[in-house]
Amino acid sequence: MAFGGGFDDDGQVMSEINMTPLVDVMLVLLIIFMLTVPVLTHSVKLDLPQASNQPSQVKPDTVNLSVTADGKLHWNETAVDEAEFARRLAAAAATKPQPEFQLRGDRVVEYQHVVKAMAAIQRAGIQKLGFVTEPEG
């Protein structure tokens, strides 16, 4: 029998590759792909809604709020006290669309000052509040 088990070794190096296992593997892969491709291309017909590509014409303003290291509030680089801050928040909450608020806190400010500003923004009914940080580097 010629199975290539090395029992009838005549001292020569075998220099040919047995192709039978490679062909078997390729046939199995071919069968797998033939079975899975129709499943992948199957689709369901849906009547999807249409949307326009028109960009939004109304862009809300952005208000930059800053809390300095000593706990003072700044509205777009203008220092404000708590009464003025509450008045401006009420006016901003009444506008349509509401402006987006970006809150910046100094690196060494006490957390309570930032939380007080966040609570005042929430009480006023502002919907969009973001936090601005500096990337490390």
C-alpha atoms as a PDB file:
ATOM      1  CA  MET A   1       0.000   0.000   0.000  1.00  0.00           C
ATOM      2  CA  ALA A   2       1.218   3.476  -0.812  1.00  0.00           C
ATOM      3  CA  PHE A   3       0.013   5.557   2.134  1.00  0.00           C
ATOM      4  CA  GLY A   4       3.359   7.310   2.653  1.00  0.00           C
ATOM      5  CA  GLY A   5       3.688   6.156   6.255  1.00  0.00           C
ATOM      6  CA  GLY A   6       7.457   5.808   5.977  1.00  0.00           C
ATOM      7  CA  PHE A   7       7.551   2.061   6.604  1.00  0.00           C
ATOM      8  CA  ASP A   8       9.085   1.261   3.237  1.00  0.00           C
ATOM      9  CA  ASP A   9      11.709   3.977   3.570  1.00  0.00           C
ATOM     10  CA  ASP A  10      14.397   3.559   0.991  1.00  0.00           C
ATOM     11  CA  GLY A  11      16.472   6.472   2.312  1.00  0.00           C
ATOM     12  CA  GLN A  12      15.246   9.147  -0.099  1.00  0.00           C
ATOM     13  CA  VAL A  13      13.554  12.383   0.884  1.00  0.00           C
ATOM     14  CA  MET A  14       9.910  12.651  -0.163  1.00  0.00           C
ATOM     15  CA  SER A  15       9.694  15.787  -2.327  1.00  0.00           C
ATOM     16  CA  GLU A  16       6.022  15.827  -3.324  1.00  0.00           C
ATOM     17  CA  ILE A  17       3.067  17.276  -1.441  1.00  0.00           C
ATOM     18  CA  ASN A  18       0.019  15.156  -0.760  1.00  0.00           C
ATOM     19  CA  MET A  19      -2.804  17.208  -2.348  1.00  0.00           C
ATOM     20  CA  THR A  20      -5.742  15.094  -1.182  1.00  0.00           C
ATOM     21  CA  PRO A  21      -6.263  16.855   2.218  1.00  0.00           C
ATOM     22  CA  LEU A  22      -5.970  20.280   0.572  1.00  0.00           C
ATOM     23  CA  VAL A  23      -8.574  19.397  -2.028  1.00  0.00           C
ATOM     24  CA  ASP A  24     -10.897  18.049   0.668  1.00  0.00           C
ATOM     25  CA  VAL A  25     -10.633  21.261   2.670  1.00  0.00           C
ATOM     26  CA  MET A  26     -11.257  23.403  -0.423  1.00  0.00           C
ATOM     27  CA  LEU A  27     -14.353  21.372  -1.346  1.00  0.00           C
ATOM     28  CA  VAL A  28     -15.768  21.741   2.161  1.00  0.00           C
ATOM     29  CA  LEU A  29     -15.166  25.506   2.059  1.00  0.00           C
ATOM     30  CA  LEU A  30     -16.794  25.727  -1.364  1.00  0.00           C
ATOM     31  CA  ILE A  31     -19.897  23.922  -0.085  1.00  0.00           C
ATOM     32  CA  ILE A  32     -20.069  26.199   2.980  1.00  0.00           C
ATOM     33  CA  PHE A  33     -19.853  29.333   0.812  1.00  0.00           C
ATOM     34  CA  MET A  34     -22.442  27.972  -1.613  1.00  0.00           C
ATOM     35  CA  LEU A  35     -24.860  27.470   1.274  1.00  0.00           C
ATOM     36  CA  THR A  36     -24.270  30.783   3.079  1.00  0.00           C
ATOM     37  CA  VAL A  37     -24.188  33.245   0.156  1.00  0.00           C
ATOM     38  CA  PRO A  38     -27.916  32.945  -0.684  1.00  0.00           C
ATOM     39  CA  VAL A  39     -28.760  33.528   2.989  1.00  0.00           C
ATOM     40  CA  LEU A  40     -26.638  36.698   3.113  1.00  0.00           C
ATOM     41  CA  THR A  41     -28.168  38.191  -0.032  1.00  0.00           C
ATOM     42  CA  HIS A  42     -31.763  37.585   1.071  1.00  0.00           C
ATOM     43  CA  SER A  43     -33.486  40.874   1.814  1.00  0.00           C
ATOM     44  CA  VAL A  44     -36.890  42.039   2.938  1.00  0.00           C
ATOM     45  CA  LYS A  45     -38.735  44.646   0.877  1.00  0.00           C
ATOM     46  CA  LEU A  46     -39.632  47.661   2.986  1.00  0.00           C
ATOM     47  CA  ASP A  47     -41.274  50.933   2.133  1.00  0.00           C
ATOM     48  CA  LEU A  48     -38.909  53.289   3.956  1.00  0.00           C
ATOM     49  CA  PRO A  49     -39.771  56.920   4.686  1.00  0.00           C
ATOM     50  CA  GLN A  50     -38.055  59.578   2.635  1.00  0.00           C
ATOM     51  CA  ALA A  51     -36.074  62.403   4.229  1.00  0.00           C
ATOM     52  CA  SER A  52     -34.850  65.614   2.724  1.00  0.00           C
ATOM     53  CA  ASN A  53     -31.211  66.590   2.759  1.00  0.00           C
ATOM     54  CA  GLN A  54     -31.913  70.191   3.640  1.00  0.00           C
ATOM     55  CA  PRO A  55     -29.663  71.430   6.453  1.00  0.00           C
ATOM     56  CA  SER A  56     -31.307  72.927   9.490  1.00  0.00           C
ATOM     57  CA  GLN A  57     -31.809  76.636   8.929  1.00  0.00           C
ATOM     58  CA  VAL A  58     -32.172  77.595  12.601  1.00  0.00           C
ATOM     59  CA  LYS A  59     -28.964  77.237  14.578  1.00  0.00           C
ATOM     60  CA  PRO A  60     -29.233  77.905  18.303  1.00  0.00           C
ATOM     61  CA  ASP A  61     -26.757  80.213  19.923  1.00  0.00           C
ATOM     62  CA  THR A  62     -24.023  78.919  22.170  1.00  0.00           C
ATOM     63  CA  VAL A  63     -23.505  80.377  25.633  1.00  0.00           C
ATOM     64  CA  ASN A  64     -20.095  79.830  27.213  1.00  0.00           C
ATOM     65  CA  LEU A  65     -20.270  79.628  30.991  1.00  0.00           C
ATOM     66  CA  SER A  66     -17.025  79.681  32.928  1.00  0.00           C
ATOM     67  CA  VAL A  67     -16.422  79.082  36.621  1.00  0.00           C
ATOM     68  CA  THR A  68     -13.119  80.571  37.724  1.00  0.00           C
ATOM     69  CA  ALA A  69     -10.868  79.264  40.478  1.00  0.00           C
ATOM     70  CA  ASP A  70     -12.450  81.617  43.039  1.00  0.00           C
ATOM     71  CA  GLY A  71     -15.993  80.440  42.126  1.00  0.00           C
ATOM     72  CA  LYS A  72     -17.104  83.436  40.052  1.00  0.00           C
ATOM     73  CA  LEU A  73     -19.367  82.904  37.056  1.00  0.00           C
ATOM     74  CA  HIS A  74     -18.710  84.335  33.611  1.00  0.00           C
ATOM     75  CA  TRP A  75     -21.374  84.486  30.893  1.00  0.00           C
ATOM     76  CA  ASN A  76     -19.607  84.709  27.523  1.00  0.00           C
ATOM     77  CA  GLU A  77     -16.542  86.268  29.210  1.00  0.00           C
ATOM     78  CA  THR A  78     -18.654  88.760  31.190  1.00  0.00           C
ATOM     79  CA  ALA A  79     -18.587  88.347  34.980  1.00  0.00           C
ATOM     80  CA  VAL A  80     -22.073  87.946  36.475  1.00  0.00           C
ATOM     81  CA  ASP A  81     -23.362  87.545  40.013  1.00  0.00           C
ATOM     82  CA  GLU A  82     -25.948  84.911  41.028  1.00  0.00           C
ATOM     83  CA  ALA A  83     -28.975  87.200  40.572  1.00  0.00           C
ATOM     84  CA  GLU A  84     -27.874  88.302  37.098  1.00  0.00           C
ATOM     85  CA  PHE A  85     -27.035  84.690  36.232  1.00  0.00           C
ATOM     86  CA  ALA A  86     -30.535  83.525  37.226  1.00  0.00           C
ATOM     87  CA  ARG A  87     -32.124  86.371  35.231  1.00  0.00           C
ATOM     88  CA  ARG A  88     -30.114  85.537  32.110  1.00  0.00           C
ATOM     89  CA  LEU A  89     -30.916  81.838  32.480  1.00  0.00           C
ATOM     90  CA  ALA A  90     -34.646  82.578  32.672  1.00  0.00           C
ATOM     91  CA  ALA A  91     -34.418  84.744  29.557  1.00  0.00           C
ATOM     92  CA  ALA A  92     -32.429  82.076  27.695  1.00  0.00           C
ATOM     93  CA  ALA A  93     -34.885  79.332  28.699  1.00  0.00           C
ATOM     94  CA  ALA A  94     -37.784  81.379  27.279  1.00  0.00           C
ATOM     95  CA  THR A  95     -36.213  81.760  23.827  1.00  0.00           C
ATOM     96  CA  LYS A  96     -36.995  79.335  21.002  1.00  0.00           C
ATOM     97  CA  PRO A  97     -34.802  77.492  20.203  1.00  0.00           C
ATOM     98  CA  GLN A  98     -32.951  77.433  23.474  1.00  0.00           C
ATOM     99  CA  PRO A  99     -29.238  78.181  23.297  1.00  0.00           C
ATOM    100  CA  GLU A 100     -26.703  75.457  23.955  1.00  0.00           C
ATOM    101  CA  PHE A 101     -24.738  75.949  27.151  1.00  0.00           C
ATOM    102  CA  GLN A 102     -21.073  74.994  27.388  1.00  0.00           C
ATOM    103  CA  LEU A 103     -19.797  74.868  30.960  1.00  0.00           C
ATOM    104  CA  ARG A 104     -16.102  75.302  31.636  1.00  0.00           C
ATOM    105  CA  GLY A 105     -14.653  74.852  35.093  1.00  0.00           C
ATOM    106  CA  ASP A 106     -11.202  75.898  36.232  1.00  0.00           C
ATOM    107  CA  ARG A 107      -8.882  73.021  37.068  1.00  0.00           C
ATOM    108  CA  VAL A 108      -8.662  74.020  40.753  1.00  0.00           C
ATOM    109  CA  VAL A 109     -12.233  75.270  41.328  1.00  0.00           C
ATOM    110  CA  GLU A 110     -14.177  73.621  44.107  1.00  0.00           C
ATOM    111  CA  TYR A 111     -16.727  71.189  42.768  1.00  0.00           C
ATOM    112  CA  GLN A 112     -19.595  72.833  44.639  1.00  0.00           C
ATOM    113  CA  HIS A 113     -19.367  75.976  42.473  1.00  0.00           C
ATOM    114  CA  VAL A 114     -19.747  73.942  39.278  1.00  0.00           C
ATOM    115  CA  VAL A 115     -22.627  71.945  40.772  1.00  0.00           C
ATOM    116  CA  LYS A 116     -24.402  75.156  41.811  1.00  0.00           C
ATOM    117  CA  ALA A 117     -24.163  76.421  38.223  1.00  0.00           C
ATOM    118  CA  MET A 118     -25.458  73.098  36.890  1.00  0.00           C
ATOM    119  CA  ALA A 119     -28.375  73.128  39.341  1.00  0.00           C
ATOM    120  CA  ALA A 120     -29.308  76.687  38.352  1.00  0.00           C
ATOM    121  CA  ILE A 121     -29.263  75.694  34.681  1.00  0.00           C
ATOM    122  CA  GLN A 122     -31.490  72.705  35.402  1.00  0.00           C
ATOM    123  CA  ARG A 123     -33.931  74.767  37.480  1.00  0.00           C
ATOM    124  CA  ALA A 124     -34.221  77.281  34.629  1.00  0.00           C
ATOM    125  CA  GLY A 125     -35.311  74.495  32.270  1.00  0.00           C
ATOM    126  CA  ILE A 126     -32.353  74.549  29.888  1.00  0.00           C
ATOM    127  CA  GLN A 127     -32.288  71.380  27.780  1.00  0.00           C
ATOM    128  CA  LYS A 128     -28.721  71.318  26.399  1.00  0.00           C
ATOM    129  CA  LEU A 129     -25.678  71.514  28.627  1.00  0.00           C
ATOM    130  CA  GLY A 130     -22.197  70.400  27.646  1.00  0.00           C
ATOM    131  CA  PHE A 131     -18.896  70.292  29.488  1.00  0.00           C
ATOM    132  CA  VAL A 132     -15.730  71.642  27.903  1.00  0.00           C
ATOM    133  CA  THR A 133     -12.351  70.239  28.872  1.00  0.00           C
ATOM    134  CA  GLU A 134      -8.815  70.688  27.647  1.00  0.00           C
ATOM    135  CA  PRO A 135      -7.084  67.619  26.212  1.00  0.00           C
ATOM    136  CA  GLU A 136      -3.945  66.502  27.968  1.00  0.00           C
ATOM    137  CA  GLY A 137      -0.779  66.929  26.038  1.00  0.00           C
END
